[in-house]
Amino acid sequence: MRSLAAAAAAVAAALLLSSCAGLAADGPVAENSPSAEVAAEAAAGPESVDPLTTCRSFYVGGKLSISKRIKRWGSEVAYPATAENTVELTTIHDRLGGQISDAEPGPAMLLKSVQKPFGVSLDGGSADPADVVEATEVVERMCVDAGYRP
């Protein structure tokens, strides 16, 4: 994700520099010209995915879906991560992080509340597994409201 953002920033900078170079030779670039539109889109960064797409990403994947992994490993946040569960807790934490970076602000906030206890455990602390269950139920309600049936 970060390399994609860096690439988008590089493209935006290149477009900006090329449009500035074009100003000196050709005059101002029209506001609705293709190069101005491309530069504006590149500067805005990647688009957020809608809540329905966020829900699909959360639930799709069978036993390897984020949802199933959370149900299986959510109780492990009660203790600091161990050698036996670090891979699974990290997988859940990182996959949620990927979804958070792509989601709209509302769904991203809900996913962060699911992700937080996993981060606490990975950082050597302990969190309440009930927080994982509660946050996951809120995500499920959001998904049902968005038209997804888990």
Protein backbone atom coordinates (compact mmCIF):
# COMPACT_ATOMS: atom_id res chain seq x y z
CA MET A 1 0.00 0.00 0.00
CA ARG A 2 2.73 2.45 0.88
CA SER A 3 4.56 1.78 -2.38
CA LEU A 4 1.29 2.44 -4.23
CA ALA A 5 0.88 5.74 -2.38
CA ALA A 6 4.49 6.63 -3.10
CA ALA A 7 4.01 5.82 -6.78
CA ALA A 8 0.86 7.97 -6.90
CA ALA A 9 2.73 10.82 -5.25
CA ALA A 10 5.59 10.46 -7.74
CA VAL A 11 3.16 10.52 -10.67
CA ALA A 12 1.44 13.59 -9.22
CA ALA A 13 4.77 15.35 -8.79
CA ALA A 14 5.84 14.45 -12.33
CA LEU A 15 2.56 15.70 -13.74
CA LEU A 16 2.81 18.88 -11.73
CA LEU A 17 6.35 19.53 -12.94
CA SER A 18 5.46 18.76 -16.54
CA SER A 19 2.42 21.03 -16.40
CA CYS A 20 4.57 23.82 -14.95
CA ALA A 21 7.08 23.34 -17.75
CA GLY A 22 4.19 23.52 -20.21
CA LEU A 23 3.12 26.86 -18.74
CA ALA A 24 6.31 28.56 -19.83
CA ALA A 25 6.15 27.20 -23.37
CA ASP A 26 2.42 26.99 -24.08
CA GLY A 27 0.67 29.30 -21.62
CA PRO A 28 -1.66 28.25 -18.79
CA VAL A 29 -3.20 24.79 -18.74
CA ALA A 30 -6.97 24.93 -18.91
CA GLU A 31 -8.75 23.85 -15.72
CA ASN A 32 -10.63 21.10 -17.56
CA SER A 33 -7.76 19.82 -19.68
CA PRO A 34 -6.85 16.13 -19.44
CA SER A 35 -3.49 16.83 -17.80
CA ALA A 36 -5.11 19.01 -15.13
CA GLU A 37 -7.69 16.29 -14.40
CA VAL A 38 -5.05 13.56 -14.19
CA ALA A 39 -2.92 15.69 -11.87
CA ALA A 40 -5.92 16.40 -9.62
CA GLU A 41 -6.82 12.70 -9.43
CA ALA A 42 -3.22 11.67 -8.70
CA ALA A 43 -2.90 14.32 -5.99
CA ALA A 44 -6.13 13.14 -4.33
CA GLY A 45 -4.63 9.69 -3.76
CA PRO A 46 -6.33 6.33 -4.00
CA GLU A 47 -10.09 6.22 -3.70
CA SER A 48 -11.78 4.63 -0.72
CA VAL A 49 -13.81 1.50 -1.21
CA ASP A 50 -17.47 1.51 -0.28
CA PRO A 51 -18.74 -0.24 2.87
CA LEU A 52 -20.11 -3.19 0.88
CA THR A 53 -16.66 -3.88 -0.60
CA THR A 54 -15.11 -3.52 2.85
CA CYS A 55 -17.57 -6.12 4.15
CA ARG A 56 -16.80 -8.55 1.36
CA SER A 57 -13.11 -8.27 2.18
CA PHE A 58 -13.86 -8.89 5.85
CA TYR A 59 -15.97 -12.02 5.33
CA VAL A 60 -14.84 -13.66 2.10
CA GLY A 61 -12.18 -16.33 2.30
CA GLY A 62 -13.76 -19.21 4.17
CA LYS A 63 -11.73 -20.27 7.19
CA LEU A 64 -8.96 -17.86 6.16
CA SER A 65 -11.23 -14.80 6.12
CA ILE A 66 -10.50 -12.03 8.59
CA SER A 67 -13.83 -12.71 10.27
CA LYS A 68 -13.12 -16.41 10.88
CA ARG A 69 -9.57 -15.70 12.06
CA ILE A 70 -10.89 -13.14 14.54
CA LYS A 71 -13.43 -15.62 15.91
CA ARG A 72 -10.72 -18.25 16.30
CA TRP A 73 -7.94 -16.06 17.72
CA GLY A 74 -9.81 -13.17 19.37
CA SER A 75 -9.55 -14.67 22.85
CA GLU A 76 -5.75 -14.65 22.55
CA VAL A 77 -5.65 -10.86 23.00
CA ALA A 78 -6.19 -11.42 26.74
CA TYR A 79 -2.45 -12.10 27.01
CA PRO A 80 0.71 -10.77 25.43
CA ALA A 81 1.43 -12.45 22.09
CA THR A 82 3.40 -15.68 22.29
CA ALA A 83 5.62 -17.55 19.87
CA GLU A 84 2.65 -19.81 19.14
CA ASN A 85 0.13 -17.11 18.22
CA THR A 86 2.18 -14.17 16.96
CA VAL A 87 1.83 -15.15 13.30
CA GLU A 88 -1.96 -15.34 13.50
CA LEU A 89 -2.34 -12.17 15.57
CA THR A 90 -0.03 -10.32 13.19
CA THR A 91 -1.94 -11.61 10.17
CA ILE A 92 -5.23 -10.37 11.60
CA HIS A 93 -3.73 -7.03 12.64
CA ASP A 94 -2.08 -6.44 9.26
CA ARG A 95 -5.04 -7.54 7.14
CA LEU A 96 -7.29 -5.23 9.12
CA GLY A 97 -4.71 -2.49 8.57
CA GLY A 98 -4.93 -3.02 4.83
CA GLN A 99 -8.70 -2.77 4.96
CA ILE A 100 -8.54 0.33 7.14
CA SER A 101 -6.29 2.11 4.67
CA ASP A 102 -8.72 1.37 1.82
CA ALA A 103 -12.02 1.94 3.65
CA GLU A 104 -14.14 5.04 3.92
CA PRO A 105 -13.71 6.92 7.24
CA GLY A 106 -16.76 5.40 9.01
CA PRO A 107 -15.99 1.75 8.28
CA ALA A 108 -12.29 2.43 8.88
CA MET A 109 -13.06 3.65 12.40
CA LEU A 110 -15.06 0.48 13.12
CA LEU A 111 -12.29 -1.74 11.78
CA LYS A 112 -9.74 0.11 13.94
CA SER A 113 -11.77 -0.83 17.02
CA VAL A 114 -11.47 -4.50 15.98
CA GLN A 115 -7.75 -4.12 15.23
CA LYS A 116 -6.73 -2.31 18.42
CA PRO A 117 -6.81 -5.29 20.85
CA PHE A 118 -4.63 -7.32 18.47
CA GLY A 119 -2.08 -4.50 18.43
CA VAL A 120 -2.12 -4.34 22.23
CA SER A 121 -1.37 -8.06 22.47
CA LEU A 122 1.37 -7.83 19.84
CA ASP A 123 2.90 -4.93 21.80
CA GLY A 124 3.18 -7.14 24.89
CA GLY A 125 0.01 -6.03 26.66
CA SER A 126 -3.33 -7.62 27.29
CA ALA A 127 -6.76 -6.58 26.04
CA ASP A 128 -10.28 -7.70 26.80
CA PRO A 129 -11.49 -10.35 24.31
CA ALA A 130 -15.02 -9.00 24.88
CA ASP A 131 -13.87 -5.81 23.13
CA VAL A 132 -13.03 -7.90 20.05
CA VAL A 133 -16.45 -9.56 20.11
CA GLU A 134 -18.27 -6.26 20.59
CA ALA A 135 -16.31 -4.46 17.85
CA THR A 136 -16.83 -7.38 15.45
CA GLU A 137 -20.58 -7.29 16.12
CA VAL A 138 -20.62 -3.58 15.25
CA VAL A 139 -18.83 -4.33 11.96
CA GLU A 140 -21.40 -7.06 11.26
CA ARG A 141 -24.27 -4.60 11.85
CA MET A 142 -22.60 -2.11 9.50
CA CYS A 143 -22.30 -4.83 6.85
CA VAL A 144 -25.94 -5.86 7.20
CA ASP A 145 -26.96 -2.20 6.91
CA ALA A 146 -24.80 -1.91 3.77
CA GLY A 147 -26.64 -4.89 2.23
CA TYR A 148 -24.09 -7.62 2.90
CA ARG A 149 -25.32 -10.82 4.50
CA PRO A 150 -22.50 -12.46 6.51
